[in-house]
């Protein structure tokens, strides 16, 4: 009953793992709540759910480094060298940024 898996919280895929404790197994996962509510769909009979605990994590301090996350389809993809000169725009976007632009 150990191992990895995933679940969806607010339509976001969350990695989870089973942890062994004195009462059996606990399923643990972390996610960032970005809305003012959480919706859970638990695909088991309600009798199978013994307890559900939500614990707030400590607030993160912002980094001094800027992070840009690219979410897209194949147009942002990194292509292999044998597919050159084809490249997704995410593969070459770094050419438009400079170290001192923060």
N, C-alpha and C. Protein backbone atom coordinates (compact mmCIF):
# COMPACT_ATOMS: atom_id res chain seq x y z
N UNK A 1 0.82 -1.19 0.00
CA UNK A 1 0.00 0.00 0.00
C UNK A 1 0.86 1.26 0.00
N UNK A 2 2.15 1.08 -0.19
CA UNK A 2 3.02 2.24 -0.30
C UNK A 2 3.15 2.61 -1.76
N UNK A 3 3.68 3.78 -2.02
CA UNK A 3 3.88 4.19 -3.39
C UNK A 3 3.27 5.54 -3.67
N UNK A 4 3.37 5.93 -4.92
CA UNK A 4 2.91 7.25 -5.35
C UNK A 4 1.58 7.12 -6.08
N UNK A 5 0.93 8.22 -6.25
CA UNK A 5 -0.31 8.29 -7.01
C UNK A 5 -0.61 9.74 -7.26
N UNK A 6 -1.82 10.03 -7.71
CA UNK A 6 -2.19 11.43 -7.90
C UNK A 6 -3.67 11.59 -7.59
N UNK A 7 -4.06 12.82 -7.37
CA UNK A 7 -5.45 13.14 -7.18
C UNK A 7 -5.69 14.54 -7.71
N UNK A 8 -6.95 14.87 -7.94
CA UNK A 8 -7.30 16.20 -8.44
C UNK A 8 -7.94 17.00 -7.32
N UNK A 9 -7.44 18.19 -7.10
CA UNK A 9 -8.02 19.15 -6.16
C UNK A 9 -8.24 20.43 -6.95
N UNK A 10 -9.48 20.88 -7.02
CA UNK A 10 -9.82 22.07 -7.82
C UNK A 10 -9.28 21.94 -9.24
N UNK A 11 -9.42 20.75 -9.81
CA UNK A 11 -8.98 20.45 -11.17
C UNK A 11 -7.47 20.56 -11.37
N UNK A 12 -6.69 20.46 -10.30
CA UNK A 12 -5.23 20.48 -10.39
C UNK A 12 -4.71 19.12 -9.94
N UNK A 13 -3.83 18.51 -10.74
CA UNK A 13 -3.27 17.21 -10.39
C UNK A 13 -2.28 17.38 -9.24
N UNK A 14 -2.47 16.60 -8.19
CA UNK A 14 -1.64 16.68 -6.99
C UNK A 14 -0.97 15.33 -6.78
N UNK A 15 0.36 15.32 -6.64
CA UNK A 15 1.07 14.09 -6.31
C UNK A 15 0.83 13.76 -4.85
N UNK A 16 0.67 12.49 -4.56
CA UNK A 16 0.42 12.08 -3.18
C UNK A 16 1.25 10.85 -2.87
N UNK A 17 1.43 10.60 -1.61
CA UNK A 17 2.14 9.39 -1.21
C UNK A 17 1.51 8.82 0.05
N UNK A 18 1.67 7.52 0.22
CA UNK A 18 1.17 6.83 1.41
C UNK A 18 2.27 6.81 2.45
N UNK A 19 1.95 7.21 3.68
CA UNK A 19 2.91 7.21 4.78
C UNK A 19 2.43 6.23 5.84
N UNK A 20 3.35 5.42 6.34
CA UNK A 20 3.00 4.45 7.40
C UNK A 20 3.06 5.15 8.74
N UNK A 21 2.03 5.01 9.56
CA UNK A 21 2.04 5.55 10.92
C UNK A 21 1.51 4.49 11.88
N UNK A 22 1.37 4.83 13.15
CA UNK A 22 0.97 3.83 14.15
C UNK A 22 -0.45 3.31 13.94
N UNK A 23 -1.29 4.05 13.25
CA UNK A 23 -2.67 3.63 13.03
C UNK A 23 -2.89 2.95 11.69
N UNK A 24 -1.86 2.82 10.89
CA UNK A 24 -2.01 2.23 9.57
C UNK A 24 -1.29 3.08 8.54
N UNK A 25 -2.04 3.52 7.55
CA UNK A 25 -1.47 4.33 6.48
C UNK A 25 -2.18 5.68 6.40
N UNK A 26 -1.41 6.69 6.08
CA UNK A 26 -1.94 8.03 5.89
C UNK A 26 -1.55 8.49 4.50
N UNK A 27 -2.48 9.11 3.82
CA UNK A 27 -2.20 9.67 2.52
C UNK A 27 -1.89 11.15 2.71
N UNK A 28 -0.75 11.58 2.20
CA UNK A 28 -0.31 12.95 2.43
C UNK A 28 -0.01 13.63 1.10
N UNK A 29 -0.39 14.90 0.99
CA UNK A 29 -0.06 15.68 -0.20
C UNK A 29 -0.13 17.16 0.14
N UNK A 30 0.60 17.95 -0.64
CA UNK A 30 0.62 19.40 -0.47
C UNK A 30 0.08 20.06 -1.73
N UNK A 31 -0.60 21.16 -1.55
CA UNK A 31 -1.04 21.95 -2.69
C UNK A 31 -1.26 23.38 -2.25
N UNK A 32 -1.25 24.28 -3.22
CA UNK A 32 -1.48 25.70 -2.94
C UNK A 32 -2.94 26.01 -3.21
N UNK A 33 -3.66 26.45 -2.20
CA UNK A 33 -5.06 26.85 -2.36
C UNK A 33 -5.08 28.29 -2.86
N UNK A 34 -5.60 28.48 -4.06
CA UNK A 34 -5.60 29.82 -4.65
C UNK A 34 -6.99 30.42 -4.70
N UNK A 35 -7.96 29.69 -4.23
CA UNK A 35 -9.33 30.19 -4.21
C UNK A 35 -9.81 30.26 -2.77
N UNK A 36 -10.99 30.78 -2.58
CA UNK A 36 -11.51 30.91 -1.21
C UNK A 36 -12.28 29.68 -0.76
N UNK A 37 -12.19 28.58 -1.49
CA UNK A 37 -12.85 27.34 -1.08
C UNK A 37 -12.12 26.14 -1.68
N UNK A 38 -12.35 24.98 -1.09
CA UNK A 38 -11.82 23.72 -1.59
C UNK A 38 -12.98 22.78 -1.88
N UNK A 39 -12.95 22.14 -3.03
CA UNK A 39 -13.96 21.15 -3.39
C UNK A 39 -13.26 19.79 -3.47
N UNK A 40 -13.75 18.82 -2.73
CA UNK A 40 -13.18 17.48 -2.74
C UNK A 40 -14.19 16.50 -3.31
N UNK A 41 -13.74 15.63 -4.19
CA UNK A 41 -14.53 14.51 -4.66
C UNK A 41 -13.74 13.27 -4.28
N UNK A 42 -14.25 12.49 -3.35
CA UNK A 42 -13.54 11.34 -2.82
C UNK A 42 -14.19 10.09 -3.40
N UNK A 43 -13.47 9.37 -4.27
CA UNK A 43 -14.08 8.24 -4.98
C UNK A 43 -14.11 6.94 -4.17
N UNK A 44 -14.52 7.01 -2.91
CA UNK A 44 -14.70 5.82 -2.08
C UNK A 44 -16.01 5.98 -1.31
N UNK A 45 -16.48 4.89 -0.78
CA UNK A 45 -17.67 4.98 0.07
C UNK A 45 -17.34 5.82 1.29
N UNK A 46 -18.29 6.62 1.75
CA UNK A 46 -18.00 7.52 2.87
C UNK A 46 -17.57 6.76 4.12
N UNK A 47 -17.98 5.50 4.27
CA UNK A 47 -17.56 4.71 5.43
C UNK A 47 -16.06 4.43 5.40
N UNK A 48 -15.45 4.46 4.22
CA UNK A 48 -14.02 4.15 4.10
C UNK A 48 -13.14 5.33 4.51
N UNK A 49 -13.71 6.51 4.60
CA UNK A 49 -12.94 7.69 5.00
C UNK A 49 -13.04 7.84 6.51
N UNK A 50 -11.92 7.65 7.18
CA UNK A 50 -11.90 7.70 8.64
C UNK A 50 -11.75 9.12 9.15
N UNK A 51 -10.84 9.86 8.55
CA UNK A 51 -10.57 11.21 9.03
C UNK A 51 -9.95 12.01 7.90
N UNK A 52 -10.23 13.30 7.90
CA UNK A 52 -9.61 14.20 6.93
C UNK A 52 -9.15 15.43 7.69
N UNK A 53 -7.86 15.71 7.59
CA UNK A 53 -7.27 16.85 8.29
C UNK A 53 -6.63 17.78 7.28
N UNK A 54 -6.88 19.06 7.43
CA UNK A 54 -6.25 20.07 6.58
C UNK A 54 -5.37 20.92 7.47
N UNK A 55 -4.09 20.97 7.14
CA UNK A 55 -3.12 21.71 7.94
C UNK A 55 -2.50 22.81 7.08
N UNK A 56 -2.56 24.04 7.56
CA UNK A 56 -1.92 25.13 6.82
C UNK A 56 -0.41 25.03 6.95
N UNK A 57 0.27 25.23 5.84
CA UNK A 57 1.72 25.24 5.85
C UNK A 57 2.20 26.64 6.19
N UNK A 58 3.44 26.77 6.66
CA UNK A 58 3.96 28.11 6.93
C UNK A 58 3.99 28.94 5.65
N UNK A 59 3.74 30.21 5.78
CA UNK A 59 3.74 31.10 4.63
C UNK A 59 5.15 31.17 4.04
N UNK A 60 5.22 31.07 2.73
CA UNK A 60 6.52 31.12 2.06
C UNK A 60 6.98 32.55 1.91
N UNK A 61 8.27 32.75 2.00
CA UNK A 61 8.83 34.08 1.75
C UNK A 61 9.19 34.16 0.27
N UNK A 62 8.91 35.28 -0.36
CA UNK A 62 9.20 35.41 -1.78
C UNK A 62 10.70 35.35 -2.06
N UNK A 63 11.03 34.79 -3.19
CA UNK A 63 12.42 34.72 -3.64
C UNK A 63 12.80 36.05 -4.28
N UNK A 64 14.06 36.35 -4.25
CA UNK A 64 14.53 37.55 -4.95
C UNK A 64 14.65 37.29 -6.44
N UNK A 65 14.69 36.01 -6.82
CA UNK A 65 14.79 35.66 -8.23
C UNK A 65 13.40 35.58 -8.86
N UNK A 66 13.28 36.07 -10.07
CA UNK A 66 12.04 36.04 -10.82
C UNK A 66 11.86 34.66 -11.44
N UNK A 67 10.66 34.11 -11.36
CA UNK A 67 10.34 32.83 -12.00
C UNK A 67 9.21 33.05 -12.99
N UNK A 68 9.38 32.50 -14.17
CA UNK A 68 8.34 32.56 -15.19
C UNK A 68 7.98 31.12 -15.54
N UNK A 69 6.70 30.77 -15.45
CA UNK A 69 6.24 29.43 -15.77
C UNK A 69 5.48 29.50 -17.09
N UNK A 70 5.83 28.62 -18.02
CA UNK A 70 5.18 28.58 -19.32
C UNK A 70 4.24 27.39 -19.37
N UNK A 71 2.98 27.66 -19.67
CA UNK A 71 1.98 26.61 -19.78
C UNK A 71 1.36 26.74 -21.16
N UNK A 72 1.43 25.68 -21.94
CA UNK A 72 0.93 25.76 -23.30
C UNK A 72 0.84 24.35 -23.88
N UNK A 73 0.69 24.30 -25.18
CA UNK A 73 0.70 23.02 -25.88
C UNK A 73 2.07 22.83 -26.54
N UNK A 74 2.13 22.16 -27.66
CA UNK A 74 3.42 21.88 -28.30
C UNK A 74 4.12 23.13 -28.82
N UNK A 75 3.44 24.28 -28.87
CA UNK A 75 4.09 25.50 -29.35
C UNK A 75 5.15 26.02 -28.38
N UNK A 76 5.13 25.56 -27.13
CA UNK A 76 6.11 25.99 -26.13
C UNK A 76 7.15 24.90 -25.88
N UNK A 77 7.01 23.78 -26.55
CA UNK A 77 7.82 22.58 -26.34
C UNK A 77 9.30 22.79 -26.66
N UNK A 78 10.15 22.05 -25.95
CA UNK A 78 11.57 21.96 -26.28
C UNK A 78 11.74 20.75 -27.20
N UNK A 79 12.22 20.99 -28.41
CA UNK A 79 12.40 19.92 -29.39
C UNK A 79 13.83 19.40 -29.33
N UNK A 80 14.03 18.14 -29.73
CA UNK A 80 15.36 17.54 -29.77
C UNK A 80 16.16 18.12 -30.93
N UNK A 81 17.50 17.97 -30.85
CA UNK A 81 18.37 18.52 -31.89
C UNK A 81 18.09 17.92 -33.26
N UNK A 82 17.69 16.65 -33.32
CA UNK A 82 17.42 16.03 -34.62
C UNK A 82 16.17 16.60 -35.29
N UNK A 83 15.40 17.42 -34.58
CA UNK A 83 14.22 18.06 -35.15
C UNK A 83 14.50 19.52 -35.53
N UNK A 84 15.75 19.93 -35.42
CA UNK A 84 16.16 21.30 -35.75
C UNK A 84 15.87 21.58 -37.22
N UNK A 85 15.45 22.77 -37.57
CA UNK A 85 15.40 24.01 -36.81
C UNK A 85 14.07 24.23 -36.09
N UNK A 86 13.23 23.21 -36.02
CA UNK A 86 11.94 23.38 -35.34
C UNK A 86 12.18 23.62 -33.85
N UNK A 87 11.52 24.65 -33.32
CA UNK A 87 11.65 24.98 -31.89
C UNK A 87 10.36 25.63 -31.43
N UNK A 88 9.97 25.32 -30.22
CA UNK A 88 8.82 25.99 -29.62
C UNK A 88 9.28 27.34 -29.07
N UNK A 89 8.36 28.28 -28.95
CA UNK A 89 8.76 29.61 -28.47
C UNK A 89 9.26 29.56 -27.04
N UNK A 90 8.83 28.59 -26.26
CA UNK A 90 9.33 28.46 -24.90
C UNK A 90 10.78 28.02 -24.85
N UNK A 91 11.24 27.38 -25.92
CA UNK A 91 12.62 26.91 -26.00
C UNK A 91 13.59 28.07 -26.23
N UNK A 92 13.11 29.16 -26.80
CA UNK A 92 13.99 30.28 -27.16
C UNK A 92 13.64 31.57 -26.43
N UNK A 93 12.68 31.53 -25.52
CA UNK A 93 12.22 32.76 -24.86
C UNK A 93 13.32 33.42 -24.04
N UNK A 94 14.28 32.63 -23.57
CA UNK A 94 15.36 33.20 -22.75
C UNK A 94 16.16 34.25 -23.52
N UNK A 95 16.12 34.22 -24.84
CA UNK A 95 16.86 35.21 -25.63
C UNK A 95 16.30 36.62 -25.48
N UNK A 96 15.08 36.73 -24.97
CA UNK A 96 14.44 38.03 -24.82
C UNK A 96 14.55 38.61 -23.42
N UNK A 97 15.27 37.93 -22.53
CA UNK A 97 15.44 38.39 -21.16
C UNK A 97 16.91 38.62 -20.86
N UNK A 98 17.17 39.56 -19.99
CA UNK A 98 18.53 39.89 -19.60
C UNK A 98 18.63 39.83 -18.08
N UNK A 99 19.80 39.58 -17.56
CA UNK A 99 19.99 39.45 -16.12
C UNK A 99 19.57 40.71 -15.36
N UNK A 100 19.73 41.87 -15.93
CA UNK A 100 19.45 43.12 -15.22
C UNK A 100 18.03 43.64 -15.45
N UNK A 101 17.12 42.80 -15.95
CA UNK A 101 15.78 43.31 -16.26
C UNK A 101 14.81 43.17 -15.09
N UNK A 102 15.27 42.69 -13.93
CA UNK A 102 14.40 42.47 -12.78
C UNK A 102 13.88 43.75 -12.24
